[in-house]
Amino acid sequence: MAKQSVHEEYLAKTQGHLVVPPRWHVGADRRRSLIQVTKTAIHDARGQVMGVLGVGRDVTAEHQVQEALRAREELFSTIVNQAPIGILLVDHATLGFTSFNQAASDALGYTQEDFASLTLYDIQARLTRQEVDDIVASILAEGGREFENQRLTRHGEVREFWISMKPLVVQGKQCLTAVWVDITERKRTERELLRYRDELENLVRQRTLKLEETSRELATQSVTLKQLYDELTTVFNAATVGMAVMKDRRVVRCNHKL
């Protein structure tokens, strides 16, 4: 410690000024404090170095604040990196990916290193550069936007995403925050359900038409049978000889000649 102090004084004399990294000190009250010392060379009237003046400053509170911020940043980083959805920060000027979590690059099959070299233009499956620029302009004008978009994976597969983007200024630089979720399987399921529904509705229509057709045929047959019954009744009643209809050896109907 003494050698280090001597070396620091030597540096202060030769450089004129030296800021020593903060060190922990224990006071008479046994309280630990983080002290940052600034050492300055003192010169006489002839400009010769007379000694070194050391001024200590208690930076314990600042250190605690910095540690708390660092802990929060680590916690936030852990949460973002473990999130199952893509979370990104996009540079408005280039539409490159300034920051992103593992899920964002994994969703499109890229390593984080390869994904960092891409832009929003590079991952579009259908949209042109102008169409992308128009969407970005609307996000800035409206203060945010939610939409669905088809993205191209590293292997050329088209995947569908739900996307939410909002403008954000970071250290004076215009950026865009982005959250995206792969909804490819959901959209595929929706299309399958829609197809099944259409098939079911078509089947119901066919069965309905068949029932209507059968109903019309039965109605026609009923009219024909009624006509035949009326004709037979006329012949039965107009017969010049006696006629009878019997069931179980009993007469259930006869004409007037009988």
Protein backbone atom coordinates (compact mmCIF):
# COMPACT_ATOMS: atom_id res chain seq x y z
CA MET A 1 0.00 0.00 0.00
CA ALA A 2 2.88 2.36 0.92
CA LYS A 3 4.68 1.58 -2.36
CA GLN A 4 1.47 2.27 -4.27
CA SER A 5 1.05 5.61 -2.50
CA VAL A 6 4.63 6.59 -3.29
CA HIS A 7 4.08 5.67 -6.93
CA GLU A 8 0.88 7.73 -7.06
CA GLU A 9 2.68 10.76 -5.60
CA TYR A 10 5.41 10.36 -8.17
CA LEU A 11 2.79 10.33 -10.95
CA ALA A 12 1.08 13.38 -9.48
CA LYS A 13 4.39 15.28 -9.38
CA THR A 14 5.36 14.36 -12.91
CA GLN A 15 1.87 14.75 -14.44
CA GLY A 16 0.73 17.58 -12.20
CA HIS A 17 -2.61 15.90 -11.48
CA LEU A 18 -3.78 12.37 -10.71
CA VAL A 19 -7.22 10.93 -9.94
CA VAL A 20 -6.79 7.76 -7.91
CA PRO A 21 -9.39 4.98 -8.37
CA PRO A 22 -11.86 4.84 -5.44
CA ARG A 23 -10.86 2.68 -2.48
CA TRP A 24 -12.77 1.40 0.50
CA HIS A 25 -11.79 2.86 3.88
CA VAL A 26 -12.99 2.03 7.37
CA GLY A 27 -13.48 5.06 9.63
CA ALA A 28 -13.21 5.38 13.39
CA ASP A 29 -16.91 4.58 13.62
CA ARG A 30 -16.24 1.31 11.74
CA ARG A 31 -18.30 2.56 8.81
CA ARG A 32 -17.01 1.63 5.36
CA SER A 33 -16.77 4.46 2.87
CA LEU A 34 -15.64 4.55 -0.75
CA ILE A 35 -13.18 7.39 -1.11
CA GLN A 36 -11.84 8.82 -4.35
CA VAL A 37 -8.63 10.82 -3.91
CA THR A 38 -7.38 13.49 -6.28
CA LYS A 39 -3.68 14.26 -5.97
CA THR A 40 -2.26 17.54 -7.27
CA ALA A 41 1.36 18.68 -7.37
CA ILE A 42 2.15 21.90 -5.41
CA HIS A 43 4.77 24.26 -6.85
CA ASP A 44 6.74 27.08 -5.24
CA ALA A 45 7.34 30.52 -6.70
CA ARG A 46 10.15 29.16 -8.86
CA GLY A 47 7.93 26.38 -10.24
CA GLN A 48 9.65 23.68 -8.31
CA VAL A 49 7.52 20.85 -6.90
CA MET A 50 7.13 21.26 -3.17
CA GLY A 51 4.86 18.33 -2.52
CA VAL A 52 1.54 16.74 -3.33
CA LEU A 53 -1.90 17.82 -2.13
CA GLY A 54 -4.43 15.03 -1.75
CA VAL A 55 -8.17 15.72 -1.59
CA GLY A 56 -10.53 12.87 -0.79
CA ARG A 57 -14.19 12.71 -1.79
CA ASP A 58 -16.75 10.26 -0.43
CA VAL A 59 -18.35 8.57 -3.46
CA THR A 60 -20.14 5.82 -1.51
CA ALA A 61 -23.62 7.11 -2.40
CA GLU A 62 -22.71 7.44 -6.09
CA HIS A 63 -21.29 3.91 -6.06
CA GLN A 64 -24.47 2.53 -4.50
CA VAL A 65 -26.59 4.25 -7.13
CA GLN A 66 -24.38 2.89 -9.91
CA GLU A 67 -24.53 -0.61 -8.44
CA ALA A 68 -28.31 -0.42 -8.19
CA LEU A 69 -28.54 0.72 -11.82
CA ARG A 70 -26.18 -2.05 -12.90
CA ALA A 71 -28.27 -4.63 -11.06
CA ARG A 72 -31.45 -3.34 -12.70
CA GLU A 73 -29.80 -3.41 -16.11
CA GLU A 74 -28.68 -7.00 -15.55
CA LEU A 75 -32.19 -7.97 -14.42
CA PHE A 76 -33.78 -6.24 -17.40
CA SER A 77 -31.27 -7.85 -19.76
CA THR A 78 -31.98 -11.29 -18.27
CA ILE A 79 -35.74 -10.84 -18.64
CA VAL A 80 -35.45 -9.63 -22.24
CA ASN A 81 -33.04 -12.37 -23.27
CA GLN A 82 -35.22 -15.08 -21.74
CA ALA A 83 -38.44 -13.75 -23.27
CA PRO A 84 -39.96 -16.11 -25.87
CA ILE A 85 -40.85 -13.20 -28.18
CA GLY A 86 -38.55 -11.01 -30.27
CA ILE A 87 -37.66 -7.65 -28.69
CA LEU A 88 -35.57 -5.23 -30.73
CA LEU A 89 -34.30 -1.68 -31.04
CA VAL A 90 -34.11 -0.50 -34.66
CA ASP A 91 -32.05 2.44 -35.97
CA HIS A 92 -34.43 4.70 -37.89
CA ALA A 93 -31.71 5.99 -40.21
CA THR A 94 -30.60 2.57 -41.50
CA LEU A 95 -33.37 0.27 -40.19
CA GLY A 96 -30.56 -1.90 -38.83
CA PHE A 97 -30.90 -3.80 -35.57
CA THR A 98 -29.15 -1.82 -32.82
CA SER A 99 -30.10 -4.24 -30.07
CA PHE A 100 -32.14 -7.44 -29.92
CA ASN A 101 -32.69 -10.53 -27.81
CA GLN A 102 -31.99 -14.18 -28.64
CA ALA A 103 -35.62 -14.89 -29.58
CA ALA A 104 -35.53 -12.26 -32.35
CA SER A 105 -32.65 -13.88 -34.22
CA ASP A 106 -33.73 -17.45 -33.43
CA ALA A 107 -37.17 -16.85 -34.94
CA LEU A 108 -35.58 -16.36 -38.37
CA GLY A 109 -32.84 -18.97 -37.98
CA TYR A 110 -29.89 -16.56 -37.67
CA THR A 111 -27.01 -16.44 -35.23
CA GLN A 112 -26.86 -13.19 -33.28
CA GLU A 113 -23.69 -12.18 -35.16
CA ASP A 114 -25.31 -12.69 -38.59
CA PHE A 115 -28.58 -11.06 -37.53
CA ALA A 116 -26.74 -7.94 -36.31
CA SER A 117 -25.59 -7.26 -39.89
CA LEU A 118 -29.14 -7.29 -41.31
CA THR A 119 -31.80 -4.59 -41.69
CA LEU A 120 -35.59 -4.67 -41.87
CA TYR A 121 -35.27 -4.59 -45.65
CA ASP A 122 -33.31 -7.86 -45.68
CA ILE A 123 -35.93 -9.98 -43.93
CA GLN A 124 -39.00 -9.01 -45.95
CA ALA A 125 -40.78 -11.82 -47.82
CA ARG A 126 -43.16 -9.66 -49.83
CA LEU A 127 -42.70 -5.93 -49.15
CA THR A 128 -40.51 -3.66 -51.28
CA ARG A 129 -38.12 -1.09 -49.79
CA GLN A 130 -40.63 1.66 -50.54
CA GLU A 131 -43.43 -0.22 -48.82
CA VAL A 132 -41.20 -0.73 -45.76
CA ASP A 133 -40.36 3.00 -45.73
CA ASP A 134 -44.08 3.85 -45.94
CA ILE A 135 -44.84 1.66 -42.92
CA VAL A 136 -42.00 3.24 -40.93
CA ALA A 137 -43.28 6.69 -41.83
CA SER A 138 -46.76 5.78 -40.61
CA ILE A 139 -45.31 4.46 -37.32
CA LEU A 140 -43.59 7.78 -36.70
CA ALA A 141 -46.67 9.78 -37.73
CA GLU A 142 -49.12 7.73 -35.64
CA GLY A 143 -46.85 7.16 -32.64
CA GLY A 144 -46.89 3.41 -33.12
CA ARG A 145 -48.55 0.66 -35.08
CA GLU A 146 -49.52 -3.02 -34.83
CA PHE A 147 -49.66 -5.15 -37.96
CA GLU A 148 -48.98 -8.57 -39.46
CA ASN A 149 -46.06 -9.15 -41.80
CA GLN A 150 -44.44 -12.03 -43.64
CA ARG A 151 -40.72 -12.47 -42.91
CA LEU A 152 -38.09 -14.52 -44.71
CA THR A 153 -35.92 -16.89 -42.66
CA ARG A 154 -32.26 -17.57 -43.29
CA HIS A 155 -33.27 -20.78 -45.12
CA GLY A 156 -35.83 -19.05 -47.37
CA GLU A 157 -38.96 -20.10 -45.49
CA VAL A 158 -41.77 -17.57 -45.24
CA ARG A 159 -42.98 -17.07 -41.67
CA GLU A 160 -45.86 -14.87 -40.48
CA PHE A 161 -45.44 -12.45 -37.58
CA TRP A 162 -47.57 -10.15 -35.45
CA ILE A 163 -45.57 -6.96 -34.94
CA SER A 164 -45.84 -3.93 -32.67
CA MET A 165 -43.52 -0.97 -33.32
CA LYS A 166 -43.21 2.43 -31.64
CA PRO A 167 -40.84 5.38 -32.08
CA LEU A 168 -38.26 6.03 -29.36
CA VAL A 169 -35.46 8.59 -29.03
CA VAL A 170 -32.32 7.10 -27.45
CA GLN A 171 -29.53 9.53 -26.55
CA GLY A 172 -30.80 12.01 -29.13
CA LYS A 173 -31.05 9.34 -31.84
CA GLN A 174 -34.36 8.39 -33.46
CA CYS A 175 -35.03 4.69 -33.07
CA LEU A 176 -37.93 2.26 -33.21
CA THR A 177 -38.82 -0.35 -30.63
CA ALA A 178 -40.16 -3.59 -32.03
CA VAL A 179 -41.88 -6.61 -30.54
CA TRP A 180 -42.71 -9.50 -32.81
CA VAL A 181 -44.34 -12.90 -32.35
CA ASP A 182 -44.28 -15.80 -34.81
CA ILE A 183 -47.93 -16.59 -35.60
CA THR A 184 -47.26 -18.95 -38.51
CA GLU A 185 -48.80 -21.99 -36.82
CA ARG A 186 -51.78 -20.00 -35.59
CA LYS A 187 -52.45 -18.65 -39.09
CA ARG A 188 -52.09 -22.16 -40.53
CA THR A 189 -54.61 -23.47 -37.98
CA GLU A 190 -56.98 -20.61 -38.79
CA ARG A 191 -56.77 -21.44 -42.51
CA GLU A 192 -57.43 -25.14 -41.79
CA LEU A 193 -60.43 -24.28 -39.62
CA LEU A 194 -61.73 -21.96 -42.34
CA ARG A 195 -61.33 -24.72 -44.92
CA TYR A 196 -63.17 -27.21 -42.69
CA ARG A 197 -65.92 -24.66 -42.10
CA ASP A 198 -66.30 -24.05 -45.84
CA GLU A 199 -66.42 -27.80 -46.50
CA LEU A 200 -69.03 -28.26 -43.77
CA GLU A 201 -71.14 -25.39 -45.09
CA ASN A 202 -70.88 -26.80 -48.61
CA LEU A 203 -71.92 -30.24 -47.34
CA VAL A 204 -74.90 -28.73 -45.49
CA ARG A 205 -75.93 -26.86 -48.65
CA GLN A 206 -75.73 -30.06 -50.69
CA ARG A 207 -77.75 -32.01 -48.12
CA THR A 208 -80.30 -29.20 -47.92
CA LEU A 209 -80.71 -29.17 -51.70
CA LYS A 210 -81.08 -32.97 -51.68
CA LEU A 211 -83.74 -32.80 -48.96
CA GLU A 212 -85.60 -30.08 -50.85
CA GLU A 213 -85.45 -32.16 -54.02
CA THR A 214 -86.73 -35.25 -52.17
CA SER A 215 -89.49 -33.18 -50.60
CA ARG A 216 -90.59 -31.96 -54.02
CA GLU A 217 -90.59 -35.53 -55.39
CA LEU A 218 -92.69 -36.72 -52.45
CA ALA A 219 -95.11 -33.86 -52.97
CA THR A 220 -95.42 -34.79 -56.66
CA GLN A 221 -95.98 -38.45 -55.78
CA SER A 222 -98.59 -37.45 -53.23
CA VAL A 223 -100.52 -35.49 -55.86
CA THR A 224 -100.29 -38.44 -58.27
CA LEU A 225 -101.48 -40.87 -55.63
CA LYS A 226 -104.38 -38.54 -54.77
CA GLN A 227 -105.39 -38.42 -58.42
CA LEU A 228 -105.22 -42.22 -58.71
CA TYR A 229 -107.28 -42.57 -55.52
CA ASP A 230 -109.93 -40.18 -56.85
CA GLU A 231 -110.06 -42.06 -60.18
CA LEU A 232 -110.41 -45.44 -58.46
CA THR A 233 -113.10 -44.07 -56.17
CA THR A 234 -115.04 -42.82 -59.20
CA VAL A 235 -114.76 -46.19 -60.95
CA PHE A 236 -115.73 -47.99 -57.71
CA ASN A 237 -118.81 -45.90 -57.20
CA ALA A 238 -119.87 -45.93 -60.85
CA ALA A 239 -119.63 -49.69 -61.27
CA THR A 240 -122.87 -51.38 -62.49
CA VAL A 241 -122.23 -54.39 -60.33
CA GLY A 242 -121.80 -54.68 -56.63
CA MET A 243 -118.23 -54.21 -55.34
CA ALA A 244 -116.86 -54.48 -51.85
CA VAL A 245 -113.53 -54.11 -50.04
CA MET A 246 -113.04 -56.64 -47.27
CA LYS A 247 -110.51 -56.95 -44.45
CA ASP A 248 -110.33 -59.89 -42.10
CA ARG A 249 -113.51 -61.26 -43.77
CA ARG A 250 -115.38 -58.09 -42.94
CA VAL A 251 -116.70 -55.55 -45.45
CA VAL A 252 -115.02 -52.25 -44.87
CA ARG A 253 -116.40 -50.53 -48.00
CA CYS A 254 -118.86 -51.23 -50.78
CA ASN A 255 -120.53 -49.35 -53.62
CA HIS A 256 -124.20 -48.58 -53.79
CA LYS A 257 -124.95 -51.53 -56.11
CA LEU A 258 -124.08 -53.89 -53.26
